[in-house]
Amino acid sequence: MEYRVEDCVKKSVYTDLLAIAQTEPGWSRMRGSTVTVTGAGGFIGYYLCASLLLRNDLYGDGIRVIALVRNESKARDKFGSLLLRDDISLCVQDVSQPILADKADYVINAASQASNIQFETDPVGTINANLLGTASVLEYAKASGAKSTLIVSSLKVYGLIYGSQEKIKESDSGYIDITSYKNCYAMGKRAAETLAASYCREFGLHVKIARPAYIYGAASLDDDRVWAQFIANIVKKEDILLKSDGSAYRSFCYVADTVSALLHILLNGEDITPYNISNEKSDVTIRDFAKAACKAFPERNINLRFENPEHEKEPERAFSPIQTVPEILDNSALLSIGWKPCVDLTQGIRRAVSVLEET
C-alpha cells in the first residue's frame, strides 16, 4: 500500500503504533469494518486512527477510518501524507453538531477539551463538547446501527472521595460542586455517562465506557499539564521547578497503553460498565514523576528544584478517613478482559522525549 504508516510517521511514533497493533483485543471482529473516531486530531485520537491504519498495512484488516476533527488545517498538519491513503477520510465539524459522516460499524468518542486553560476560558465549550458532543455521537451510532460505541470518559467523574482506601474503584462516587464552572469537564463527563446509559436502555445501543487515568506522552512543549511541563523541561534541557511539594498521588498511563486499553474495552467490555485505565507501575506522586524524568536522562544533568525550600523535605503519605482518596485507579476490571500495560514510567518518559526531539 502506498503511504505506509511506517514511512509517514516518526520512528518513535511508529514504535508506539506497532505496540498497539500487535496487542490482541480481538482484531478479527474489526476486519472490513468502518471506524469513526471523534477528536481524531487530539492526543488519543491520532494514535487510534494511525494504529488502525497500521493494522491494514501489517495484516490486511481492511479497516476504513473516518477521522472527525474540528480544525482541518491542524489535522492535515498532524496526519500529513497519511491522508493520501484511500482507507482514511476526514470529517470536519464540531462534534456538538449532528454528525454528517458515513455510517460506521464502530464509533469511538475521544473529542474533549482537557486543559485547565480551556476550563477557565471556555467552560461552556468544554461542557458542550462532553455533553452535546456525546449526544451527537450516540445519535450517529444509533443511525449507523453501530456494533459497539466507546465513550472516553475520565477519572474526574469520581470527584472527591473521602476514606482510608488506597484506590478508586468503578463503583465509587464522590463529591463535585455542581455550581462551579471549574467542574465543567467533570460534570460534562458524568452527564455523558448517564446519557450513554440512557441510549443503551432506550435504544439498545451497545455502549462501553472508559475512564482513563492521567494520560502522558509527547504533548506540545507549551501544554499546561504538569507532566507535559516536566517532559518539556527535559527536551529544553532545563531543571524542573516544582511550585509545591509534589505530594499529589496519581495514576499515570502512557498514551500507547491507553489506546490499546480503549480498543480492549470497545471490543470486550460490558455495556455501560465503566473500566478504569491505569498502570500500577506508574502510580506515583507528582514529585516522583519529576524525579523519574530527571533520572531518565542522567547525561543531561537535569535537577529537581523547589520554589519553596520547605518543600525539599520528602512529604509523608498516610491514609485516614478524613482525607480524600488519591487519584489512584483500581484497574482490576480492565485486566480481567485481557488488557496488560507494557510501558513503565521511565520508558514512557523516554519515548515521549524521543518523539518530541525526532526531526
Protein backbone atom coordinates (compact mmCIF):
# COMPACT_ATOMS: atom_id res chain seq x y z
CA MET A 1 0.00 0.00 0.00
CA GLU A 2 1.22 3.49 -0.83
CA TYR A 3 1.89 5.86 2.04
CA ARG A 4 2.53 3.13 4.54
CA VAL A 5 2.32 4.23 8.15
CA GLU A 6 5.95 3.29 8.78
CA ASP A 7 7.04 5.75 6.08
CA CYS A 8 4.71 8.58 7.13
CA VAL A 9 5.35 8.93 10.87
CA LYS A 10 8.35 9.45 13.11
CA LYS A 11 10.25 6.30 14.02
CA SER A 12 9.49 6.87 17.69
CA VAL A 13 5.76 7.17 16.98
CA TYR A 14 5.90 4.03 14.84
CA THR A 15 7.30 2.11 17.81
CA ASP A 16 4.22 3.06 19.80
CA LEU A 17 1.81 2.29 16.97
CA LEU A 18 3.42 -1.09 16.37
CA ALA A 19 2.96 -2.00 20.03
CA ILE A 20 -0.74 -1.12 19.78
CA ALA A 21 -1.23 -3.01 16.51
CA GLN A 22 0.41 -6.13 17.93
CA THR A 23 -1.81 -6.34 21.01
CA GLU A 24 -4.77 -8.66 20.68
CA PRO A 25 -8.07 -7.07 21.73
CA GLY A 26 -9.97 -9.08 19.10
CA TRP A 27 -8.93 -7.54 15.82
CA SER A 28 -10.71 -10.18 13.72
CA ARG A 29 -14.05 -8.60 14.60
CA MET A 30 -12.94 -5.32 13.04
CA ARG A 31 -11.83 -6.74 9.69
CA GLY A 32 -13.55 -4.94 6.83
CA SER A 33 -15.31 -2.52 9.18
CA THR A 34 -15.64 1.25 9.26
CA VAL A 35 -14.46 3.00 12.43
CA THR A 36 -15.27 6.62 13.22
CA VAL A 37 -13.00 8.37 15.73
CA THR A 38 -14.05 11.78 17.05
CA GLY A 39 -11.34 14.06 18.37
CA ALA A 40 -9.07 12.42 15.81
CA GLY A 41 -6.69 15.35 15.78
CA GLY A 42 -6.09 15.05 19.50
CA PHE A 43 -3.60 13.17 21.63
CA ILE A 44 -5.54 9.89 21.84
CA GLY A 45 -7.49 10.17 18.61
CA TYR A 46 -4.42 10.39 16.39
CA TYR A 47 -2.89 7.26 17.91
CA LEU A 48 -6.19 5.41 17.50
CA CYS A 49 -6.51 6.30 13.83
CA ALA A 50 -2.88 5.62 12.96
CA SER A 51 -2.84 2.25 14.74
CA LEU A 52 -5.93 1.15 12.78
CA LEU A 53 -4.20 2.12 9.54
CA LEU A 54 -1.13 0.17 10.62
CA ARG A 55 -3.30 -2.92 11.08
CA ASN A 56 -4.21 -2.58 7.41
CA ASP A 57 -0.53 -2.34 6.43
CA LEU A 58 0.61 -5.30 8.51
CA TYR A 59 -2.34 -7.66 8.45
CA GLY A 60 -4.65 -6.52 5.66
CA ASP A 61 -7.55 -5.90 8.03
CA GLY A 62 -9.32 -3.63 5.55
CA ILE A 63 -10.45 -1.15 8.20
CA ARG A 64 -11.81 2.15 6.94
CA VAL A 65 -11.14 5.09 9.27
CA ILE A 66 -13.28 8.22 9.46
CA ALA A 67 -11.37 10.85 11.42
CA LEU A 68 -13.69 13.53 12.79
CA VAL A 69 -11.83 16.76 13.53
CA ARG A 70 -12.79 20.34 14.31
CA ASN A 71 -9.73 22.05 12.83
CA GLU A 72 -8.92 20.83 9.32
CA SER A 73 -5.58 22.61 8.92
CA LYS A 74 -4.22 21.26 12.21
CA ALA A 75 -5.43 17.77 11.33
CA ARG A 76 -3.74 17.89 7.92
CA ASP A 77 -0.51 19.00 9.57
CA LYS A 78 -0.76 16.18 12.10
CA PHE A 79 -1.71 13.32 9.77
CA GLY A 80 0.36 14.55 6.84
CA SER A 81 0.65 12.14 3.93
CA LEU A 82 -1.45 9.51 5.74
CA LEU A 83 -4.45 11.45 4.44
CA LEU A 84 -3.42 10.48 0.88
CA ARG A 85 -4.37 6.90 1.67
CA ASP A 86 -7.70 5.54 0.50
CA ASP A 87 -8.58 3.95 3.86
CA ILE A 88 -8.89 7.19 5.85
CA SER A 89 -11.02 10.29 5.35
CA LEU A 90 -11.55 13.47 7.32
CA CYS A 91 -14.93 14.66 8.57
CA VAL A 92 -14.51 18.31 9.54
CA GLN A 93 -17.10 19.57 12.00
CA ASP A 94 -17.84 20.37 15.63
CA VAL A 95 -18.75 17.19 17.47
CA SER A 96 -21.57 19.07 19.21
CA GLN A 97 -23.43 19.31 15.89
CA PRO A 98 -25.23 16.41 14.14
CA ILE A 99 -22.53 14.15 12.72
CA LEU A 100 -22.55 14.08 8.92
CA ALA A 101 -20.09 11.24 8.35
CA ASP A 102 -20.88 7.99 6.58
CA LYS A 103 -22.23 5.18 8.76
CA ALA A 104 -19.77 3.29 10.92
CA ASP A 105 -19.58 -0.17 12.48
CA TYR A 106 -17.59 1.11 15.46
CA VAL A 107 -17.58 4.58 17.00
CA ILE A 108 -15.01 5.97 19.45
CA ASN A 109 -15.78 9.32 21.04
CA ALA A 110 -12.47 10.88 22.08
CA ALA A 111 -13.42 14.51 21.45
CA SER A 112 -12.97 16.69 24.52
CA GLN A 113 -11.25 19.77 25.85
CA ALA A 114 -8.96 18.59 28.64
CA SER A 115 -6.82 21.61 29.50
CA ASN A 116 -7.18 23.70 32.65
CA ILE A 117 -6.78 26.79 30.49
CA GLN A 118 -9.80 25.70 28.45
CA PHE A 119 -11.80 25.10 31.64
CA GLU A 120 -11.08 28.68 32.66
CA THR A 121 -11.53 30.41 29.31
CA ASP A 122 -14.16 28.23 27.64
CA PRO A 123 -16.19 26.33 30.26
CA VAL A 124 -19.30 26.38 28.04
CA GLY A 125 -17.40 24.88 25.12
CA THR A 126 -15.89 22.29 27.44
CA ILE A 127 -19.18 21.03 28.84
CA ASN A 128 -20.87 21.19 25.44
CA ALA A 129 -18.17 19.04 23.85
CA ASN A 130 -18.71 16.42 26.54
CA LEU A 131 -22.50 16.54 26.80
CA LEU A 132 -23.85 17.74 23.44
CA GLY A 133 -20.95 16.04 21.70
CA THR A 134 -21.78 12.71 23.33
CA ALA A 135 -25.44 13.17 22.35
CA SER A 136 -24.39 13.72 18.72
CA VAL A 137 -22.13 10.67 18.81
CA LEU A 138 -24.85 8.44 20.26
CA GLU A 139 -27.40 9.63 17.70
CA TYR A 140 -24.87 8.91 14.97
CA ALA A 141 -24.13 5.45 16.39
CA LYS A 142 -27.87 4.71 16.55
CA ALA A 143 -28.40 5.81 12.96
CA SER A 144 -25.37 3.75 11.90
CA GLY A 145 -26.51 0.62 13.70
CA ALA A 146 -23.03 0.50 15.21
CA LYS A 147 -21.85 -2.78 16.69
CA SER A 148 -20.09 -1.01 19.56
CA THR A 149 -19.61 2.59 20.69
CA LEU A 150 -16.93 3.70 23.14
CA ILE A 151 -17.28 6.81 25.28
CA VAL A 152 -13.91 8.03 26.57
CA SER A 153 -14.76 9.44 29.98
CA SER A 154 -12.33 10.43 32.74
CA LEU A 155 -11.18 9.72 36.29
CA LYS A 156 -12.54 13.22 37.06
CA VAL A 157 -16.06 11.77 37.27
CA TYR A 158 -15.17 10.42 40.70
CA GLY A 159 -14.89 13.81 42.37
CA LEU A 160 -13.66 13.98 45.97
CA ILE A 161 -13.88 10.65 47.76
CA TYR A 162 -13.16 10.51 51.47
CA GLY A 163 -11.91 7.44 53.29
CA SER A 164 -8.93 5.26 54.04
CA GLN A 165 -8.98 3.21 50.84
CA GLU A 166 -5.90 3.41 48.65
CA LYS A 167 -7.51 3.09 45.22
CA ILE A 168 -10.66 4.21 43.43
CA LYS A 169 -12.95 1.53 42.05
CA GLU A 170 -15.52 1.98 39.31
CA SER A 171 -18.33 1.73 41.86
CA ASP A 172 -17.05 4.73 43.86
CA SER A 173 -18.61 8.17 43.60
CA GLY A 174 -17.54 11.35 45.37
CA TYR A 175 -18.48 14.99 45.73
CA ILE A 176 -18.40 17.52 42.89
CA ASP A 177 -19.60 21.10 43.32
CA ILE A 178 -22.19 21.28 40.55
CA THR A 179 -22.40 25.10 40.71
CA SER A 180 -18.71 25.69 39.97
CA TYR A 181 -17.75 26.39 36.36
CA LYS A 182 -14.40 24.78 37.17
CA ASN A 183 -16.22 21.44 37.12
CA CYS A 184 -17.45 21.90 33.55
CA TYR A 185 -15.26 18.98 32.48
CA ALA A 186 -16.07 16.59 35.32
CA MET A 187 -19.81 17.22 35.24
CA GLY A 188 -19.88 17.01 31.46
CA LYS A 189 -18.24 13.59 31.67
CA ARG A 190 -20.65 12.42 34.38
CA ALA A 191 -23.66 13.51 32.35
CA ALA A 192 -22.20 11.89 29.23
CA GLU A 193 -22.01 8.54 31.00
CA THR A 194 -25.64 8.82 32.14
CA LEU A 195 -26.69 9.77 28.62
CA ALA A 196 -24.87 6.72 27.27
CA ALA A 197 -26.69 4.52 29.77
CA SER A 198 -29.98 6.06 28.68
CA TYR A 199 -29.32 5.32 25.00
CA CYS A 200 -28.35 1.79 25.90
CA ARG A 201 -31.60 1.31 27.81
CA GLU A 202 -33.98 3.04 25.41
CA PHE A 203 -32.49 2.17 22.03
CA GLY A 204 -30.48 -0.97 22.74
CA LEU A 205 -27.15 0.59 21.79
CA HIS A 206 -24.01 -1.27 22.76
CA VAL A 207 -22.08 1.43 24.59
CA LYS A 208 -18.81 1.00 26.50
CA ILE A 209 -17.27 3.44 28.96
CA ALA A 210 -13.57 4.03 29.62
CA ARG A 211 -12.21 6.09 32.50
CA PRO A 212 -8.55 6.81 31.77
CA ALA A 213 -6.05 7.93 34.37
CA TYR A 214 -3.67 10.80 33.63
CA ILE A 215 -2.51 10.06 30.08
CA TYR A 216 1.01 11.19 29.23
CA GLY A 217 3.20 11.16 26.17
CA ALA A 218 4.58 13.51 23.55
CA ALA A 219 2.36 16.55 24.06
CA SER A 220 3.27 20.00 22.76
CA LEU A 221 6.01 21.90 24.56
CA ASP A 222 3.57 24.59 25.68
CA ASP A 223 0.99 22.17 27.12
CA ASP A 224 -0.04 23.42 30.57
CA ARG A 225 -0.48 19.99 32.18
CA VAL A 226 2.13 19.38 34.84
CA TRP A 227 3.54 16.13 33.42
CA ALA A 228 3.82 17.78 29.99
CA GLN A 229 5.78 20.63 31.52
CA PHE A 230 8.24 18.14 33.03
CA ILE A 231 8.76 16.47 29.65
CA ALA A 232 9.19 19.89 28.04
CA ASN A 233 11.86 20.69 30.65
CA ILE A 234 13.77 17.58 29.60
CA VAL A 235 13.55 18.50 25.91
CA LYS A 236 14.72 22.03 26.66
CA LYS A 237 17.49 20.65 28.92
CA GLU A 238 16.42 22.81 31.85
CA ASP A 239 15.86 22.00 35.52
CA ILE A 240 12.39 21.07 36.71
CA LEU A 241 10.92 23.57 39.16
CA LEU A 242 8.13 22.39 41.47
CA LYS A 243 5.92 25.09 42.95
CA SER A 244 4.53 22.67 45.56
CA ASP A 245 5.86 19.70 47.50
CA GLY A 246 4.63 17.44 44.69
CA SER A 247 2.87 15.10 47.10
CA ALA A 248 -0.27 14.66 44.98
CA TYR A 249 -0.50 10.93 44.25
CA ARG A 250 -1.86 9.96 40.83
CA SER A 251 -2.28 7.16 38.32
CA PHE A 252 -0.46 7.77 35.06
CA CYS A 253 -0.68 5.71 31.88
CA TYR A 254 1.37 6.09 28.70
CA VAL A 255 -0.62 7.02 25.60
CA ALA A 256 0.11 3.79 23.69
CA ASP A 257 -1.04 1.65 26.63
CA THR A 258 -4.12 3.83 26.96
CA VAL A 259 -5.06 3.36 23.31
CA SER A 260 -4.64 -0.41 23.50
CA ALA A 261 -6.86 -0.36 26.59
CA LEU A 262 -9.53 1.62 24.73
CA LEU A 263 -9.57 -0.97 21.97
CA HIS A 264 -9.91 -3.78 24.51
CA ILE A 265 -12.87 -2.02 26.12
CA LEU A 266 -14.51 -1.29 22.75
CA LEU A 267 -14.36 -4.94 21.71
CA ASN A 268 -14.58 -6.82 25.01
CA GLY A 269 -16.15 -4.55 27.60
CA GLU A 270 -19.64 -4.97 29.03
CA ASP A 271 -22.23 -2.37 28.08
CA ILE A 272 -22.38 0.62 30.47
CA THR A 273 -19.76 -0.94 32.71
CA PRO A 274 -17.00 1.62 33.32
CA TYR A 275 -13.39 0.46 33.10
CA ASN A 276 -10.56 2.32 34.81
CA ILE A 277 -7.40 2.61 32.72
CA SER A 278 -4.21 2.77 34.76
CA ASN A 279 -0.79 1.15 35.07
CA GLU A 280 0.22 0.15 38.59
CA LYS A 281 3.88 0.67 37.67
CA SER A 282 3.10 4.33 37.03
CA ASP A 283 1.16 5.14 40.21
CA VAL A 284 3.38 7.90 41.56
CA THR A 285 3.37 11.33 43.14
CA ILE A 286 3.95 14.42 41.03
CA ARG A 287 7.29 14.69 42.81
CA ASP A 288 8.26 11.15 41.79
CA PHE A 289 7.18 11.76 38.19
CA ALA A 290 9.52 14.74 38.12
CA LYS A 291 12.33 12.65 39.65
CA ALA A 292 11.77 9.90 37.08
CA ALA A 293 12.01 12.48 34.29
CA CYS A 294 15.38 13.66 35.62
CA LYS A 295 16.71 10.12 36.10
CA ALA A 296 15.58 9.00 32.65
CA PHE A 297 18.26 11.24 31.11
CA PRO A 298 21.17 11.33 33.60
CA GLU A 299 23.58 12.60 30.93
CA ARG A 300 21.65 15.88 30.75
CA ASN A 301 22.32 16.72 34.40
CA ILE A 302 18.79 17.97 34.96
CA ASN A 303 17.86 18.59 38.58
CA LEU A 304 14.61 18.85 40.50
CA ARG A 305 14.29 22.17 42.31
CA PHE A 306 11.60 23.61 44.57
CA GLU A 307 10.29 27.15 44.55
CA ASN A 308 9.79 26.92 48.32
CA PRO A 309 12.83 25.46 50.16
CA GLU A 310 10.49 24.00 52.79
CA HIS A 311 9.14 21.62 50.16
CA GLU A 312 12.51 19.93 49.65
CA LYS A 313 11.80 17.54 52.51
CA GLU A 314 10.09 14.35 51.36
CA PRO A 315 6.38 14.56 52.30
CA GLU A 316 4.88 11.76 54.34
CA ARG A 317 1.89 9.95 52.89
CA ALA A 318 -0.68 8.43 55.22
CA PHE A 319 -4.28 7.38 54.77
CA SER A 320 -7.08 8.34 57.11
CA PRO A 321 -10.89 8.50 56.92
CA ILE A 322 -10.83 12.31 56.87
CA GLN A 323 -8.53 12.55 53.85
CA THR A 324 -9.51 12.43 50.22
CA VAL A 325 -8.63 9.21 48.42
CA PRO A 326 -5.76 9.85 45.99
CA GLU A 327 -6.39 9.67 42.24
CA ILE A 328 -5.14 6.10 42.02
CA LEU A 329 -7.36 3.90 39.88
CA ASP A 330 -8.02 0.22 40.51
CA ASN A 331 -7.58 -1.44 37.10
CA SER A 332 -8.61 -4.99 38.01
CA ALA A 333 -11.77 -4.85 35.85
CA LEU A 334 -9.72 -3.91 32.79
CA LEU A 335 -7.15 -6.61 33.47
CA SER A 336 -9.99 -9.14 33.65
CA ILE A 337 -10.85 -8.58 29.97
CA GLY A 338 -7.33 -9.33 28.78
CA TRP A 339 -5.51 -6.00 28.73
CA LYS A 340 -1.97 -5.65 30.02
CA PRO A 341 0.14 -2.46 30.21
CA CYS A 342 3.55 -2.61 28.56
CA VAL A 343 5.24 0.74 29.21
CA ASP A 344 6.52 1.75 32.64
CA LEU A 345 7.03 5.37 33.67
CA THR A 346 10.71 5.66 32.74
CA GLN A 347 10.13 4.04 29.34
CA GLY A 348 7.15 6.29 28.70
CA ILE A 349 9.07 9.46 29.51
CA ARG A 350 11.96 8.40 27.29
CA ARG A 351 9.58 7.62 24.43
CA ALA A 352 7.79 10.96 24.80
CA VAL A 353 11.05 12.89 24.72
CA SER A 354 12.25 10.83 21.74
CA VAL A 355 9.12 11.71 19.75
CA LEU A 356 9.48 15.41 20.53
CA GLU A 357 13.16 15.51 19.63
CA GLU A 358 12.97 13.45 16.45
CA THR A 359 13.05 15.54 13.30
